[in-house]
């Protein structure tokens, strides 16, 4: 399973879309048995409700899974597993199941080349590359844990309402645990955000979202007011200076250049010794926490760190 990172490409072109395809089967036909039925955070999508579900991605991510029992039986299994994971994450994501046999217009509009195929939407736009092929239940859990950590690190903490509560209520549902830290980030008070995330981590060290939020808030704290060009110039002139190199690693993280940040510090660990090496290693471990221990880049980074140390 490849790592997925959030980005913001162009919106899906749905012009002229919204009417059922001629000859299309009823939306309820062929739906995966049990998938989306009785689930608080999953919905079966057809041409009539697709636009409404797309709008829900403005609250929190919507995960679309295109499946077909006739063309790919394993995609139906994946649909059921996706519903399971969506319920486990309690509104962090909304699972949208699209049976391409009964909703061919959606597959045509989004140019779906195969099933199963999954994509993540936020603010009405795809924010990951399409993910083709079947995934196991464990793979799905790992993927959405990674994405959840990235969302928290970016200050996105809203949740979908349970489907039974969706009608007649307005506004997103936020996890109250993260509200103080999120408010601090919204106000630009990074120091307070760090303190609030620290409280969550102290109360529950197993809270991976809080740990990721704390680590990324610390990156923001360390880079406040930094001149990017001056920082890079200083690092280039002083390749073994711990402060200069760790600062540029933080800037690489903020710019989305995760591997560059890791490799810079791993090389620094390899070149240094004693307290300097320990400082570089400790800083790198903090960046690992910001990305998440299940991330393939972190797994690879830990292996490279071990090689550098031993």
Protein backbone atom coordinates (compact mmCIF):
# COMPACT_ATOMS: atom_id res chain seq x y z
CA UNK A 1 0.00 0.00 0.00
CA UNK A 2 1.47 3.36 -1.03
CA UNK A 3 1.41 6.39 1.20
CA UNK A 4 -1.15 9.05 0.33
CA UNK A 5 -0.66 12.74 1.07
CA UNK A 6 -3.22 15.51 0.81
CA UNK A 7 -2.94 17.92 -2.10
CA UNK A 8 -5.40 20.21 -3.87
CA UNK A 9 -5.77 19.51 -7.61
CA UNK A 10 -8.63 20.86 -9.69
CA UNK A 11 -12.26 20.15 -8.97
CA UNK A 12 -14.13 17.26 -10.53
CA UNK A 13 -16.00 18.37 -13.64
CA UNK A 14 -19.65 17.53 -13.04
CA UNK A 15 -21.17 19.95 -15.53
CA UNK A 16 -24.42 18.63 -16.87
CA UNK A 17 -24.42 15.83 -14.35
CA UNK A 18 -27.27 14.90 -12.04
CA UNK A 19 -29.75 12.95 -14.15
CA UNK A 20 -29.78 9.14 -14.18
CA UNK A 21 -28.10 7.55 -17.17
CA UNK A 22 -30.53 6.24 -19.75
CA UNK A 23 -31.15 2.59 -19.11
CA UNK A 24 -29.51 2.70 -15.68
CA UNK A 25 -30.79 0.26 -13.08
CA UNK A 26 -32.52 1.51 -9.92
CA UNK A 27 -30.06 2.87 -7.41
CA UNK A 28 -30.86 0.23 -4.82
CA UNK A 29 -30.22 -2.70 -7.12
CA UNK A 30 -27.00 -4.60 -6.66
CA UNK A 31 -25.86 -2.63 -3.61
CA UNK A 32 -23.39 -4.60 -1.47
CA UNK A 33 -25.33 -6.51 1.14
CA UNK A 34 -24.89 -4.87 4.50
CA UNK A 35 -22.59 -2.13 3.14
CA UNK A 36 -23.96 1.30 3.95
CA UNK A 37 -27.11 -0.13 5.56
CA UNK A 38 -27.39 0.60 9.26
CA UNK A 39 -24.09 2.50 9.18
CA UNK A 40 -23.82 5.91 10.77
CA UNK A 41 -21.00 7.05 8.49
CA UNK A 42 -21.57 5.44 5.09
CA UNK A 43 -23.96 6.10 2.24
CA UNK A 44 -24.80 4.36 -1.02
CA UNK A 45 -24.44 6.89 -3.83
CA UNK A 46 -26.48 7.23 -7.00
CA UNK A 47 -26.88 9.99 -9.59
CA UNK A 48 -29.54 11.71 -7.50
CA UNK A 49 -27.62 12.08 -4.25
CA UNK A 50 -24.05 12.32 -5.56
CA UNK A 51 -23.91 16.12 -5.59
CA UNK A 52 -25.25 16.29 -2.04
CA UNK A 53 -22.61 13.84 -0.82
CA UNK A 54 -19.96 15.82 -2.67
CA UNK A 55 -21.06 18.92 -0.73
CA UNK A 56 -20.55 17.01 2.53
CA UNK A 57 -16.83 16.89 1.75
CA UNK A 58 -16.80 20.58 2.74
CA UNK A 59 -17.34 19.42 6.33
CA UNK A 60 -14.82 16.55 6.41
CA UNK A 61 -13.37 14.10 3.87
CA UNK A 62 -15.60 11.86 1.79
CA UNK A 63 -14.03 8.59 0.68
CA UNK A 64 -15.50 7.37 -2.60
CA UNK A 65 -15.19 3.69 -3.40
CA UNK A 66 -16.22 2.51 -6.86
CA UNK A 67 -17.18 -1.15 -6.87
CA UNK A 68 -19.06 -3.75 -8.87
CA UNK A 69 -20.16 -7.19 -7.72
CA UNK A 70 -20.31 -8.42 -11.33
CA UNK A 71 -16.94 -7.08 -12.45
CA UNK A 72 -14.93 -7.44 -9.26
CA UNK A 73 -16.37 -9.46 -6.37
CA UNK A 74 -13.42 -8.45 -4.18
CA UNK A 75 -14.50 -4.83 -4.58
CA UNK A 76 -17.75 -5.68 -2.79
CA UNK A 77 -15.77 -7.12 0.12
CA UNK A 78 -13.70 -3.94 0.17
CA UNK A 79 -16.90 -1.87 0.27
CA UNK A 80 -18.05 -3.70 3.39
CA UNK A 81 -14.64 -3.26 4.99
CA UNK A 82 -14.63 0.45 4.17
CA UNK A 83 -17.96 0.84 5.98
CA UNK A 84 -16.46 -0.91 9.00
CA UNK A 85 -13.49 1.45 9.06
CA UNK A 86 -15.65 4.55 8.53
CA UNK A 87 -17.72 3.60 11.58
CA UNK A 88 -14.55 2.99 13.61
CA UNK A 89 -13.33 6.51 12.82
CA UNK A 90 -16.68 7.92 14.00
CA UNK A 91 -17.20 10.64 11.41
CA UNK A 92 -13.61 11.49 10.55
CA UNK A 93 -14.52 10.26 7.07
CA UNK A 94 -17.78 9.55 5.27
CA UNK A 95 -17.71 6.41 3.13
CA UNK A 96 -19.51 6.89 -0.20
CA UNK A 97 -20.13 3.63 -2.07
CA UNK A 98 -20.66 3.88 -5.82
CA UNK A 99 -21.87 0.74 -7.58
CA UNK A 100 -20.87 1.41 -11.18
CA UNK A 101 -23.43 -1.12 -12.42
CA UNK A 102 -26.31 0.89 -11.00
CA UNK A 103 -24.77 4.36 -11.26
CA UNK A 104 -22.80 4.30 -14.53
CA UNK A 105 -23.15 8.06 -15.01
CA UNK A 106 -20.95 8.78 -12.01
CA UNK A 107 -18.23 6.42 -13.22
CA UNK A 108 -18.36 8.04 -16.67
CA UNK A 109 -18.25 11.59 -15.28
CA UNK A 110 -15.25 10.79 -13.10
CA UNK A 111 -13.54 8.66 -15.76
CA UNK A 112 -13.17 5.60 -13.54
CA UNK A 113 -10.91 3.10 -15.37
CA UNK A 114 -11.37 0.08 -13.09
CA UNK A 115 -12.85 -1.27 -9.87
CA UNK A 116 -12.20 -1.25 -7.07
CA UNK A 117 -10.94 2.32 -7.10
CA UNK A 118 -10.95 4.68 -4.15
CA UNK A 119 -10.38 8.41 -3.83
CA UNK A 120 -10.60 10.99 -1.06
CA UNK A 121 -12.49 14.26 -1.54
CA UNK A 122 -12.19 17.40 0.60
CA UNK A 123 -13.88 20.72 -0.17
CA UNK A 124 -15.42 19.10 -3.24
CA UNK A 125 -12.04 18.19 -4.75
CA UNK A 126 -9.83 15.09 -4.90
CA UNK A 127 -7.01 15.42 -2.36
CA UNK A 128 -5.19 12.15 -3.07
CA UNK A 129 -4.26 10.30 -6.20
CA UNK A 130 -6.86 7.63 -7.10
CA UNK A 131 -6.08 4.37 -5.31
CA UNK A 132 -6.79 1.40 -7.60
CA UNK A 133 -7.02 -2.24 -6.57
CA UNK A 134 -8.35 -4.07 -3.53
CA UNK A 135 -7.21 -3.29 0.00
CA UNK A 136 -7.57 -5.45 3.07
CA UNK A 137 -9.34 -4.29 6.20
CA UNK A 138 -5.97 -3.76 7.91
CA UNK A 139 -4.66 -1.76 4.94
CA UNK A 140 -7.71 0.50 5.09
CA UNK A 141 -7.26 1.06 8.80
CA UNK A 142 -3.59 1.95 8.30
CA UNK A 143 -4.38 4.30 5.41
CA UNK A 144 -7.08 6.22 7.27
CA UNK A 145 -4.99 6.43 10.41
CA UNK A 146 -2.30 8.13 8.28
CA UNK A 147 -4.80 10.48 6.67
CA UNK A 148 -6.35 11.27 10.04
CA UNK A 149 -2.96 12.26 11.40
CA UNK A 150 -2.35 14.50 8.40
CA UNK A 151 -5.73 16.16 8.84
CA UNK A 152 -5.05 16.86 12.51
CA UNK A 153 -1.61 18.22 11.70
CA UNK A 154 -3.26 20.63 9.24
CA UNK A 155 -5.81 21.73 11.84
CA UNK A 156 -8.74 19.96 10.15
CA UNK A 157 -10.72 18.38 12.99
CA UNK A 158 -14.36 18.52 11.86
CA UNK A 159 -16.37 15.31 11.71
CA UNK A 160 -19.44 14.17 9.82
CA UNK A 161 -22.68 13.85 11.70
CA UNK A 162 -24.07 10.33 12.08
CA UNK A 163 -26.44 9.66 9.21
CA UNK A 164 -29.36 9.35 11.62
CA UNK A 165 -28.68 12.93 12.74
CA UNK A 166 -27.75 14.41 9.39
CA UNK A 167 -31.21 15.72 8.53
CA UNK A 168 -32.49 18.80 10.30
CA UNK A 169 -29.17 19.78 11.87
CA UNK A 170 -26.71 22.33 10.57
CA UNK A 171 -22.96 22.70 10.88
CA UNK A 172 -20.03 20.31 11.24
CA UNK A 173 -19.43 18.07 14.21
CA UNK A 174 -16.07 18.71 15.85
CA UNK A 175 -14.29 16.38 18.22
CA UNK A 176 -14.36 18.46 21.42
CA UNK A 177 -11.00 17.08 22.52
CA UNK A 178 -9.23 19.04 19.80
CA UNK A 179 -11.30 22.22 19.97
CA UNK A 180 -8.95 24.23 22.26
CA UNK A 181 -5.91 23.42 20.13
CA UNK A 182 -7.81 24.07 16.92
CA UNK A 183 -9.08 27.41 18.24
CA UNK A 184 -5.53 28.38 19.14
CA UNK A 185 -4.28 27.52 15.65
CA UNK A 186 -7.13 29.49 14.08
CA UNK A 187 -6.14 32.51 16.19
CA UNK A 188 -2.48 32.12 15.27
CA UNK A 189 -1.52 31.33 18.85
CA UNK A 190 0.92 28.50 18.16
CA UNK A 191 2.30 28.41 21.71
CA UNK A 192 -1.18 27.82 23.13
CA UNK A 193 -1.86 25.16 20.50
CA UNK A 194 1.29 23.33 21.57
CA UNK A 195 0.20 23.52 25.20
CA UNK A 196 -3.30 22.21 24.41
CA UNK A 197 -2.01 19.31 22.33
CA UNK A 198 0.47 18.52 25.11
CA UNK A 199 -2.41 18.21 27.58
CA UNK A 200 -4.09 15.67 25.30
CA UNK A 201 -0.92 13.64 24.88
CA UNK A 202 -0.24 13.71 28.63
CA UNK A 203 -3.79 12.50 29.30
CA UNK A 204 -3.65 9.76 26.65
CA UNK A 205 -0.23 8.91 25.17
CA UNK A 206 -1.96 6.48 22.78
CA UNK A 207 -3.90 9.30 21.08
CA UNK A 208 -2.04 9.27 17.75
CA UNK A 209 -3.98 12.23 16.34
CA UNK A 210 -3.06 14.37 19.33
CA UNK A 211 0.56 13.25 19.12
CA UNK A 212 0.70 14.14 15.43
CA UNK A 213 -0.96 17.48 16.14
CA UNK A 214 1.53 18.24 18.92
CA UNK A 215 4.52 17.34 16.77
CA UNK A 216 3.34 19.46 13.84
CA UNK A 217 2.40 22.37 16.13
CA UNK A 218 5.96 22.27 17.46
CA UNK A 219 7.23 22.48 13.87
CA UNK A 220 5.07 25.57 13.40
CA UNK A 221 6.35 26.97 16.68
CA UNK A 222 9.99 26.52 15.71
CA UNK A 223 9.56 28.10 12.28
CA UNK A 224 7.56 31.20 13.24
CA UNK A 225 9.02 34.28 11.56
CA UNK A 226 11.86 32.36 9.89
CA UNK A 227 13.26 33.67 6.61
CA UNK A 228 13.26 30.64 4.32
CA UNK A 229 16.08 31.81 2.04
CA UNK A 230 18.29 32.87 4.92
CA UNK A 231 17.72 29.56 6.70
CA UNK A 232 18.65 27.53 3.63
CA UNK A 233 21.73 29.65 3.03
CA UNK A 234 22.88 29.14 6.62
CA UNK A 235 22.39 25.40 6.35
CA UNK A 236 24.34 25.26 3.10
CA UNK A 237 27.24 27.18 4.66
CA UNK A 238 27.23 25.09 7.87
CA UNK A 239 26.42 21.48 6.94
CA UNK A 240 27.17 20.14 10.43
CA UNK A 241 25.41 22.88 12.41
CA UNK A 242 22.58 21.17 14.30
CA UNK A 243 20.36 24.25 14.67
CA UNK A 244 20.72 25.23 11.00
CA UNK A 245 20.03 21.75 9.69
CA UNK A 246 17.09 20.98 11.97
CA UNK A 247 15.47 24.30 11.07
CA UNK A 248 15.63 23.54 7.36
CA UNK A 249 14.27 20.05 8.05
CA UNK A 250 11.28 21.71 9.76
CA UNK A 251 10.80 23.99 6.76
CA UNK A 252 10.94 20.98 4.44
CA UNK A 253 8.19 19.36 6.53
CA UNK A 254 5.97 22.41 6.24
CA UNK A 255 6.56 22.46 2.49
CA UNK A 256 5.52 18.81 2.15
CA UNK A 257 9.06 17.58 1.40
CA UNK A 258 8.96 14.86 4.03
CA UNK A 259 11.65 12.58 2.59
CA UNK A 260 14.00 15.56 2.19
CA UNK A 261 13.51 16.47 5.86
CA UNK A 262 14.17 12.91 7.00
CA UNK A 263 17.20 12.41 4.77
CA UNK A 264 18.77 15.70 5.85
CA UNK A 265 18.68 14.66 9.50
CA UNK A 266 19.71 11.05 8.84
CA UNK A 267 22.78 12.34 6.99
CA UNK A 268 23.45 14.66 9.92
CA UNK A 269 23.25 11.73 12.35
CA UNK A 270 25.69 9.85 10.16
CA UNK A 271 28.21 12.72 10.19
CA UNK A 272 28.04 13.69 13.86
CA UNK A 273 28.70 12.10 17.25
CA UNK A 274 27.92 12.54 20.94
CA UNK A 275 25.45 15.22 22.00
CA UNK A 276 25.14 16.61 18.47
CA UNK A 277 24.18 13.22 17.07
CA UNK A 278 21.67 12.71 19.88
CA UNK A 279 20.11 16.13 19.21
CA UNK A 280 19.73 15.35 15.50
CA UNK A 281 18.24 11.93 16.28
CA UNK A 282 15.77 13.33 18.81
CA UNK A 283 14.64 16.00 16.36
CA UNK A 284 14.13 13.38 13.67
CA UNK A 285 12.01 11.26 16.00
CA UNK A 286 9.78 14.30 16.52
CA UNK A 287 9.28 14.61 12.78
CA UNK A 288 8.47 10.90 12.59
CA UNK A 289 5.72 11.51 15.15
CA UNK A 290 4.30 14.37 13.08
CA UNK A 291 3.91 12.09 10.06
CA UNK A 292 2.83 8.92 11.87
CA UNK A 293 4.54 5.66 12.71
CA UNK A 294 2.56 3.66 10.12
CA UNK A 295 3.61 5.91 7.26
CA UNK A 296 5.87 4.11 4.79
CA UNK A 297 8.21 7.09 4.72
CA UNK A 298 8.61 6.87 8.48
CA UNK A 299 9.18 3.12 8.33
CA UNK A 300 11.83 3.67 5.67
CA UNK A 301 13.27 6.58 7.65
CA UNK A 302 13.58 4.47 10.80
CA UNK A 303 15.44 1.80 8.85
CA UNK A 304 17.81 4.41 7.43
CA UNK A 305 18.29 5.93 10.88
CA UNK A 306 19.22 2.55 12.31
CA UNK A 307 21.80 2.12 9.56
CA UNK A 308 23.21 5.57 10.28
CA UNK A 309 23.48 4.84 14.00
CA UNK A 310 24.92 1.36 13.80
